[in-house]
Protein backbone atom coordinates (compact mmCIF):
# COMPACT_ATOMS: atom_id res chain seq x y z
CA UNK A 1 37.95 -40.65 -195.57
CA UNK A 2 40.73 -41.93 -194.52
CA UNK A 3 40.66 -40.66 -190.79
CA UNK A 4 37.21 -40.89 -189.93
CA UNK A 5 37.36 -43.80 -187.59
CA UNK A 6 36.98 -41.68 -184.65
CA UNK A 7 33.28 -41.01 -185.51
CA UNK A 8 31.98 -44.61 -185.26
CA UNK A 9 29.99 -45.04 -182.53
CA UNK A 10 31.53 -47.39 -180.11
CA UNK A 11 29.98 -48.80 -176.66
CA UNK A 12 31.98 -47.47 -173.48
CA UNK A 13 32.23 -50.69 -171.44
CA UNK A 14 32.55 -50.74 -167.89
CA UNK A 15 30.78 -51.67 -164.68
CA UNK A 16 26.61 -51.23 -164.34
CA UNK A 17 27.22 -51.34 -160.90
CA UNK A 18 28.20 -48.09 -158.89
CA UNK A 19 27.15 -45.78 -156.17
CA UNK A 20 25.37 -43.56 -158.95
CA UNK A 21 23.30 -46.44 -160.25
CA UNK A 22 21.83 -47.87 -156.86
CA UNK A 23 20.26 -44.53 -155.90
CA UNK A 24 19.39 -44.17 -159.73
CA UNK A 25 17.44 -47.34 -159.45
CA UNK A 26 16.31 -47.24 -155.72
CA UNK A 27 14.46 -43.93 -156.58
CA UNK A 28 13.39 -45.39 -159.78
CA UNK A 29 11.69 -48.09 -157.50
CA UNK A 30 10.51 -45.83 -155.06
CA UNK A 31 8.56 -44.04 -157.53
CA UNK A 32 6.74 -47.42 -158.73
CA UNK A 33 6.22 -47.92 -155.52
CA UNK A 34 3.75 -44.49 -155.79
CA UNK A 35 2.48 -46.04 -159.17
CA UNK A 36 1.25 -49.11 -157.64
CA UNK A 37 -0.73 -47.21 -155.03
CA UNK A 38 -2.15 -44.90 -157.61
CA UNK A 39 -3.41 -47.20 -160.29
CA UNK A 40 -5.22 -49.33 -157.58
CA UNK A 41 -6.40 -46.80 -154.84
CA UNK A 42 -6.80 -43.50 -157.78
CA UNK A 43 -5.39 -40.50 -157.76
CA UNK A 44 -6.47 -39.33 -154.97
CA UNK A 45 -4.67 -41.51 -152.85
CA UNK A 46 -1.33 -39.79 -153.88
CA UNK A 47 -2.37 -36.68 -155.69
CA UNK A 48 -3.33 -33.15 -154.90
CA UNK A 49 -5.09 -33.06 -158.24
CA UNK A 50 -8.82 -31.45 -157.54
CA UNK A 51 -11.75 -30.16 -159.96
CA UNK A 52 -9.96 -26.90 -160.26
CA UNK A 53 -6.80 -28.34 -161.73
CA UNK A 54 -7.44 -31.92 -163.10
CA UNK A 55 -3.78 -31.43 -164.37
CA UNK A 56 -0.64 -31.17 -162.22
CA UNK A 57 3.02 -32.33 -162.53
CA UNK A 58 2.77 -35.15 -164.34
CA UNK A 59 1.54 -33.64 -167.01
CA UNK A 60 3.29 -30.15 -166.91
CA UNK A 61 6.57 -31.86 -165.67
CA UNK A 62 6.66 -35.78 -167.22
CA UNK A 63 4.52 -34.47 -170.44
CA UNK A 64 4.79 -31.06 -171.62
CA UNK A 65 8.55 -30.19 -170.16
CA UNK A 66 9.69 -33.90 -170.56
CA UNK A 67 8.79 -34.08 -174.40
CA UNK A 68 10.41 -30.24 -175.10
CA UNK A 69 13.45 -31.59 -173.31
CA UNK A 70 13.71 -34.55 -175.33
CA UNK A 71 14.11 -32.46 -178.38
CA UNK A 72 17.32 -33.12 -179.00
CA UNK A 73 17.24 -35.83 -181.66
CA UNK A 74 14.73 -33.42 -183.43
CA UNK A 75 16.95 -30.71 -183.80
CA UNK A 76 19.73 -32.46 -184.92
CA UNK A 77 17.80 -34.52 -187.35
CA UNK A 78 17.00 -31.12 -188.85
CA UNK A 79 20.41 -29.92 -189.05
CA UNK A 80 21.96 -32.67 -190.36
CA UNK A 81 19.83 -34.50 -192.45
CA UNK A 82 17.41 -31.54 -194.16
CA UNK A 83 20.10 -28.80 -193.33
CA UNK A 84 23.31 -31.33 -194.30
CA UNK A 85 25.30 -30.18 -191.99
CA UNK A 86 27.23 -33.35 -191.96
CA UNK A 87 29.66 -31.81 -189.08
CA UNK A 88 27.23 -32.12 -186.73
CA UNK A 89 26.39 -35.96 -187.15
CA UNK A 90 28.49 -37.40 -184.26
CA UNK A 91 25.62 -35.72 -181.96
CA UNK A 92 23.05 -37.12 -183.69
CA UNK A 93 23.06 -40.58 -181.72
CA UNK A 94 23.65 -39.87 -178.45
CA UNK A 95 20.87 -36.87 -178.43
CA UNK A 96 18.47 -40.01 -180.59
CA UNK A 97 18.63 -41.70 -177.92
CA UNK A 98 17.99 -39.33 -175.04
CA UNK A 99 14.77 -38.33 -176.87
CA UNK A 100 13.50 -41.64 -177.55
CA UNK A 101 13.93 -41.96 -173.39
CA UNK A 102 12.36 -38.67 -173.08
CA UNK A 103 9.51 -39.09 -175.35
CA UNK A 104 8.71 -43.05 -174.83
CA UNK A 105 8.54 -41.94 -170.60
CA UNK A 106 6.53 -38.72 -171.40
CA UNK A 107 3.79 -41.02 -173.82
CA UNK A 108 3.58 -43.47 -170.56
CA UNK A 109 3.47 -40.89 -168.32
CA UNK A 110 -0.22 -39.42 -169.63
CA UNK A 111 -1.59 -42.75 -168.51
CA UNK A 112 -0.42 -41.84 -164.75
CA UNK A 113 -2.97 -39.18 -165.05
CA UNK A 114 -5.74 -40.68 -166.64
CA UNK A 115 -8.52 -41.31 -164.26
CA UNK A 116 -9.76 -44.54 -166.57
CA UNK A 117 -7.08 -45.49 -167.76
CA UNK A 118 -7.60 -48.89 -168.94
CA UNK A 119 -8.97 -47.23 -171.52
CA UNK A 120 -6.09 -45.50 -173.21
CA UNK A 121 -6.09 -48.21 -176.32
CA UNK A 122 -8.99 -46.01 -177.23
CA UNK A 123 -6.37 -43.22 -178.56
CA UNK A 124 -5.37 -46.22 -181.15
CA UNK A 125 -9.29 -46.96 -182.17
CA UNK A 126 -10.29 -45.39 -185.20
CA UNK A 127 -13.83 -45.72 -183.89
CA UNK A 128 -13.01 -43.47 -180.52
CA UNK A 129 -11.05 -40.96 -183.00
CA UNK A 130 -11.66 -37.35 -182.40
CA UNK A 131 -10.01 -35.73 -185.37
CA UNK A 132 -11.27 -32.13 -184.05
CA UNK A 133 -9.46 -32.48 -180.85
CA UNK A 134 -6.41 -31.14 -180.11
CA UNK A 135 -4.81 -33.26 -177.30
CA UNK A 136 -6.17 -36.29 -179.74
CA UNK A 137 -3.62 -34.87 -182.42
CA UNK A 138 -1.01 -34.50 -179.46
CA UNK A 139 -1.72 -37.59 -178.29
CA UNK A 140 -1.25 -39.83 -181.77
CA UNK A 141 1.68 -37.94 -182.73
CA UNK A 142 3.72 -38.14 -179.68
CA UNK A 143 2.72 -42.18 -179.95
CA UNK A 144 3.89 -41.94 -183.51
CA UNK A 145 7.01 -40.39 -183.09
CA UNK A 146 7.76 -42.54 -180.29
CA UNK A 147 7.94 -45.42 -182.67
CA UNK A 148 9.95 -43.71 -185.16
CA UNK A 149 12.88 -42.66 -182.98
CA UNK A 150 12.83 -46.67 -181.83
CA UNK A 151 13.05 -46.98 -185.35
CA UNK A 152 15.84 -44.58 -185.99
CA UNK A 153 18.10 -46.06 -183.13
CA UNK A 154 17.82 -49.53 -184.01
CA UNK A 155 21.05 -49.52 -185.96
CA UNK A 156 22.80 -49.43 -182.45
CA UNK A 157 21.02 -52.81 -181.81
CA UNK A 158 22.22 -54.34 -185.19
CA UNK A 159 25.53 -53.14 -184.82
CA UNK A 160 25.58 -54.84 -181.14
CA UNK A 161 24.58 -57.89 -182.33
CA UNK A 162 25.96 -58.15 -185.94
CA UNK A 163 23.07 -57.70 -187.28
CA UNK A 164 24.55 -55.87 -190.81
CA UNK A 165 21.06 -56.97 -192.99
CA UNK A 166 19.01 -56.12 -191.12
CA UNK A 167 20.05 -52.18 -191.00
CA UNK A 168 20.92 -52.11 -194.78
CA UNK A 169 17.09 -52.91 -194.82
CA UNK A 170 16.39 -50.24 -192.68
CA UNK A 171 18.62 -48.17 -193.84
CA UNK A 172 16.21 -47.73 -197.47
CA UNK A 173 13.73 -47.00 -194.99
CA UNK A 174 15.70 -43.91 -193.91
CA UNK A 175 13.97 -40.75 -195.52
CA UNK A 176 10.62 -41.78 -194.37
CA UNK A 177 11.83 -42.09 -190.87
CA UNK A 178 13.32 -38.84 -191.11
CA UNK A 179 10.57 -37.01 -193.12
CA UNK A 180 8.55 -38.19 -190.10
CA UNK A 181 10.95 -37.62 -187.53
CA UNK A 182 10.71 -33.85 -188.49
CA UNK A 183 6.88 -33.17 -189.12
CA UNK A 184 5.60 -35.40 -186.21
CA UNK A 185 7.70 -33.16 -183.37
CA UNK A 186 6.87 -30.23 -185.10
CA UNK A 187 3.47 -31.03 -184.90
CA UNK A 188 2.87 -32.11 -181.55
CA UNK A 189 4.94 -29.45 -179.89
CA UNK A 190 3.37 -26.38 -181.69
CA UNK A 191 0.10 -28.25 -180.63
CA UNK A 192 0.92 -28.16 -177.06
CA UNK A 193 0.84 -24.76 -177.41
CA UNK A 194 -2.86 -24.86 -179.53
CA UNK A 195 -3.68 -26.54 -175.87
CA UNK A 196 -3.63 -23.60 -174.12
CA UNK A 197 -5.21 -21.03 -176.73
CA UNK A 198 -8.18 -23.62 -176.32
CA UNK A 199 -8.16 -22.83 -172.21
CA UNK A 200 -9.03 -19.06 -173.36
CA UNK A 201 -9.41 -17.11 -170.54
CA UNK A 202 -8.26 -19.41 -167.68
CA UNK A 203 -4.60 -18.72 -168.87
CA UNK A 204 -3.09 -15.43 -167.86
CA UNK A 205 -2.71 -12.76 -171.00
CA UNK A 206 1.08 -13.04 -170.41
CA UNK A 207 0.89 -16.31 -171.55
CA UNK A 208 -2.14 -16.73 -173.35
CA UNK A 209 -2.04 -15.62 -177.22
CA UNK A 210 -2.88 -16.78 -180.43
CA UNK A 211 0.59 -17.52 -181.00
CA UNK A 212 1.39 -20.16 -178.52
CA UNK A 213 1.83 -22.42 -181.18
CA UNK A 214 4.44 -20.78 -182.24
CA UNK A 215 6.09 -20.18 -179.33
CA UNK A 216 5.96 -23.76 -178.16
CA UNK A 217 7.83 -24.83 -181.36
CA UNK A 218 10.54 -22.21 -181.14
CA UNK A 219 11.16 -22.67 -177.67
CA UNK A 220 11.45 -26.70 -178.22
CA UNK A 221 13.58 -26.00 -181.20
CA UNK A 222 15.91 -23.84 -178.74
CA UNK A 223 15.51 -26.74 -175.63
CA UNK A 224 16.29 -29.62 -177.95
CA UNK A 225 19.71 -27.34 -179.05
CA UNK A 226 20.67 -26.79 -175.24
CA UNK A 227 20.12 -30.12 -174.06
CA UNK A 228 22.56 -31.35 -176.47
CA UNK A 229 24.80 -29.12 -175.54
CA UNK A 230 24.46 -29.79 -171.77
CA UNK A 231 24.27 -33.86 -172.09
CA UNK A 232 27.42 -33.53 -174.34
CA UNK A 233 29.31 -31.73 -171.38
CA UNK A 234 28.10 -33.93 -168.70
CA UNK A 235 28.25 -36.64 -170.53
CA UNK A 236 32.16 -35.40 -170.85
CA UNK A 237 32.54 -34.55 -167.77
CA UNK A 238 31.01 -37.88 -166.09
CA UNK A 239 32.46 -40.16 -168.40
CA UNK A 240 35.95 -38.80 -168.64
CA UNK A 241 35.92 -37.87 -172.11
CA UNK A 242 36.96 -34.96 -174.24
CA UNK A 243 34.79 -32.20 -174.63
CA UNK A 244 33.88 -31.75 -178.74
CA UNK A 245 33.99 -27.79 -178.27
CA UNK A 246 34.44 -27.87 -182.30
CA UNK A 247 30.88 -28.87 -182.54
CA UNK A 248 29.39 -27.46 -179.71
CA UNK A 249 30.17 -23.77 -180.32
CA UNK A 250 29.17 -23.67 -183.89
CA UNK A 251 25.84 -25.26 -182.60
CA UNK A 252 25.51 -22.29 -179.71
CA UNK A 253 26.11 -19.46 -182.23
CA UNK A 254 22.71 -20.92 -184.07
CA UNK A 255 21.19 -21.36 -181.18
CA UNK A 256 21.86 -17.52 -180.30
CA UNK A 257 20.65 -16.61 -183.88
CA UNK A 258 17.19 -18.49 -182.79
CA UNK A 259 17.19 -17.50 -179.18
CA UNK A 260 17.16 -13.49 -180.29
CA UNK A 261 14.78 -14.34 -182.94
CA UNK A 262 12.05 -15.91 -180.01
CA UNK A 263 12.78 -13.26 -177.76
CA UNK A 264 11.62 -10.84 -180.40
CA UNK A 265 8.74 -12.79 -181.04
CA UNK A 266 7.64 -12.78 -177.25
CA UNK A 267 7.91 -9.52 -176.70
CA UNK A 268 6.58 -8.35 -179.87
CA UNK A 269 3.06 -10.32 -179.28
CA UNK A 270 2.78 -9.04 -175.70
CA UNK A 271 3.57 -5.59 -177.11
CA UNK A 272 0.92 -6.05 -179.67
CA UNK A 273 -1.98 -7.78 -177.28
CA UNK A 274 -1.23 -5.17 -174.98
CA UNK A 275 -0.14 -7.44 -171.75
CA UNK A 276 2.91 -6.43 -171.37
CA UNK A 277 1.52 -3.72 -168.47
CA UNK A 278 0.89 -7.25 -166.60
CA UNK A 279 4.01 -7.76 -166.50
CA UNK A 280 4.45 -4.83 -163.91
CA UNK A 281 1.96 -5.34 -161.32
CA UNK A 282 2.61 -7.23 -157.37
CA UNK A 283 1.90 -10.46 -158.78
CA UNK A 284 3.41 -13.91 -158.46
CA UNK A 285 2.67 -14.16 -162.23
CA UNK A 286 4.65 -10.89 -163.22
CA UNK A 287 7.46 -12.18 -160.72
CA UNK A 288 7.37 -15.86 -162.33
CA UNK A 289 7.21 -13.80 -166.02
CA UNK A 290 10.25 -12.10 -165.54
CA UNK A 291 12.32 -15.42 -164.23
CA UNK A 292 11.20 -16.76 -167.23
CA UNK A 293 12.42 -14.01 -169.37
CA UNK A 294 15.97 -13.71 -167.90
CA UNK A 295 16.54 -17.38 -168.12
CA UNK A 296 15.80 -16.68 -171.84
CA UNK A 297 17.62 -13.43 -172.31
CA UNK A 298 20.85 -14.21 -170.05
CA UNK A 299 22.12 -16.70 -172.67
CA UNK A 300 22.54 -13.96 -175.57
CA UNK A 301 25.19 -12.40 -173.27
CA UNK A 302 26.88 -15.34 -172.19
CA UNK A 303 27.21 -16.21 -175.80
CA UNK A 304 28.28 -12.83 -177.47
CA UNK A 305 31.42 -13.12 -179.26
CA UNK A 306 33.25 -15.77 -180.71
CA UNK A 307 35.30 -16.63 -177.59
CA UNK A 308 32.43 -16.76 -175.14
CA UNK A 309 31.04 -19.43 -177.77
CA UNK A 310 34.76 -21.47 -177.27
CA UNK A 311 34.12 -20.96 -173.52
CA UNK A 312 32.82 -24.81 -172.34
CA UNK A 313 31.71 -22.68 -169.05
CA UNK A 314 29.55 -20.25 -171.04
CA UNK A 315 28.74 -22.72 -173.24
CA UNK A 316 27.03 -25.17 -170.40
CA UNK A 317 25.64 -21.85 -168.97
CA UNK A 318 23.73 -20.92 -171.19
CA UNK A 319 22.38 -24.44 -172.01
CA UNK A 320 21.14 -24.55 -168.40
CA UNK A 321 19.58 -20.99 -168.42
CA UNK A 322 18.25 -22.12 -171.46
CA UNK A 323 16.43 -25.37 -170.20
CA UNK A 324 15.00 -23.19 -166.95
CA UNK A 325 13.84 -20.77 -169.05
CA UNK A 326 11.82 -23.73 -171.28
CA UNK A 327 10.71 -25.07 -167.83
CA UNK A 328 9.87 -22.37 -166.79
CA UNK A 329 7.58 -21.07 -170.15
CA UNK A 330 5.76 -24.47 -169.59
CA UNK A 331 5.11 -24.55 -165.87
CA UNK A 332 4.05 -20.43 -165.93
CA UNK A 333 1.55 -21.49 -168.67
CA UNK A 334 0.47 -24.67 -167.49
CA UNK A 335 0.28 -24.17 -163.91
CA UNK A 336 1.33 -20.48 -162.47
CA UNK A 337 -0.83 -18.85 -165.11
CA UNK A 338 -3.64 -21.22 -164.97
CA UNK A 339 -7.13 -19.32 -163.32
CA UNK A 340 -9.16 -21.89 -162.70
CA UNK A 341 -11.39 -19.11 -160.32
CA UNK A 342 -11.66 -18.42 -156.74
CA UNK A 343 -10.94 -21.06 -154.20
CA UNK A 344 -8.71 -23.59 -155.91
CA UNK A 345 -4.80 -24.02 -155.25
CA UNK A 346 -3.03 -27.07 -156.29
CA UNK A 347 0.90 -27.39 -155.27
CA UNK A 348 2.00 -31.13 -155.63
CA UNK A 349 2.30 -33.74 -153.06
CA UNK A 350 5.53 -35.44 -152.21
CA UNK A 351 4.41 -38.83 -154.45
CA UNK A 352 4.01 -36.89 -157.30
CA UNK A 353 7.57 -35.29 -156.81
CA UNK A 354 8.84 -38.74 -156.13
CA UNK A 355 7.43 -40.13 -159.55
CA UNK A 356 8.74 -37.30 -161.25
CA UNK A 357 11.96 -37.65 -159.66
CA UNK A 358 11.95 -41.20 -160.29
CA UNK A 359 11.18 -40.52 -163.64
CA UNK A 360 14.25 -38.89 -164.20
CA UNK A 361 16.27 -41.03 -162.23
CA UNK A 362 15.22 -43.81 -164.87
CA UNK A 363 16.31 -41.66 -168.01
CA UNK A 364 19.70 -41.00 -166.58
CA UNK A 365 20.12 -44.47 -165.30
CA UNK A 366 19.08 -45.66 -168.84
CA UNK A 367 21.32 -43.16 -170.32
CA UNK A 368 24.01 -44.50 -168.93
CA UNK A 369 23.84 -48.36 -169.44
CA UNK A 370 23.49 -47.53 -173.19
CA UNK A 371 26.10 -45.55 -173.88
CA UNK A 372 28.22 -48.36 -171.51
CA UNK A 373 26.56 -51.16 -173.88
CA UNK A 374 25.70 -50.26 -176.88
CA UNK A 375 27.43 -48.47 -179.65
CA UNK A 376 26.40 -44.40 -179.16
CA UNK A 377 28.88 -42.04 -178.30
CA UNK A 378 31.49 -41.12 -181.17
CA UNK A 379 35.14 -43.11 -180.19
CA UNK A 380 36.92 -40.22 -178.72
CA UNK A 381 39.09 -38.33 -181.12
CA UNK A 382 42.80 -40.04 -182.49
CA UNK A 383 43.55 -37.54 -185.40
CA UNK A 384 42.64 -34.64 -187.04
CA UNK A 385 38.88 -33.87 -187.49
CA UNK A 386 37.40 -34.04 -191.29
CA UNK A 387 35.45 -31.10 -192.81
CA UNK A 388 32.52 -33.26 -193.43
CA UNK A 389 30.45 -30.05 -194.60
CA UNK A 390 33.06 -29.72 -197.53
CA UNK A 391 32.71 -33.58 -198.45
CA UNK A 392 28.99 -33.22 -198.30
CA UNK A 393 26.42 -32.93 -201.24
CA UNK A 394 24.16 -30.60 -201.79
CA UNK A 395 21.14 -32.57 -201.86
CA UNK A 396 18.99 -34.35 -198.85
CA UNK A 397 20.29 -37.47 -200.70
CA UNK A 398 23.95 -37.07 -200.62
CA UNK A 399 23.64 -35.49 -196.84
CA UNK A 400 22.00 -38.15 -195.78
CA UNK A 401 24.76 -41.03 -197.61
CA UNK A 402 27.32 -38.56 -196.32
CA UNK A 403 26.73 -38.48 -192.47
CA UNK A 404 26.04 -42.68 -193.22
CA UNK A 405 29.78 -42.84 -194.23
CA UNK A 406 30.45 -41.96 -190.73
CA UNK A 407 27.69 -43.68 -189.30
CA UNK A 408 29.17 -46.70 -190.40
């Protein structure tokens, strides 16, 4: 254990005022200006929503896609704390931070689409609870998961402020937080698919299936892996840090195995339901379906073989394609494949797109600020890598204690 200091998270330091952070700030402010108009003059003043399409890009991307892209913390918690894969622990805190930004903004973004947004607190009032509602379950689980993630990330603040006692007390509740941090995303990510099942015939046959909860959950885990690789690569390039290929390559092997299982489930479901023929019709839905499937299938080719998985370019390319595949699945099922009836059309307005871009800009800006000021990213390697798997305990208790050795 003598040579593990390079796994200890440390602030990067440096100036927060750069051309990139200034641009991100301006995009965020532009989004706030649009939202001011939305909350004072209503949805119709800034969106193209209508009675046929009451949900638009703010729900499809900011919530449905945004929460899936924020599953990196969920997948890393599964690997490290549940499956005792301690070698992936350096990826946990950066993934968790990106997840809490994504989920927090996704939770806030729901309010943008509420007609009577001032009643959002009804979600937390028992008297208004609708336990049979899929949407209620999603809202409650996402809200609870946001709180859990901020608690899980709080040791970074405790370390920054030297609050050792507070960190020790929080560690006593670690098992409870880990359990919730795995249960809650599993529930609401699958329920985002259940929402489409409720829509019934209004969803195109290429996406309407009783297996949608499983499909959404599997792709959420896949996106979690992909986003971890994507962010690790971009962080290494933009912050001039070494790329942790020795960790990302084995992670991509797990990702490829799950991806193969997902494609088997997806194609098998279409065949069993007799919906595969719809993919060969001359429609926009069929075209978008093939683009979606291509984005999911191509990473299997890129990641075939150990040498391919050790290639940073192939790792990054496969991650980008998987993110695109998850994006298209959710856009296709919530917007492209949503058939509300003749006479209704929807395409996001410029203000809607500006808010979405502003949210992304704010996430990137917050990421830059946190990694520069808080101990998030592991310090660069200064010696040989210890074999964490060899030293890890076989039990959940041992796994958590082992990775905490490096966390502290």
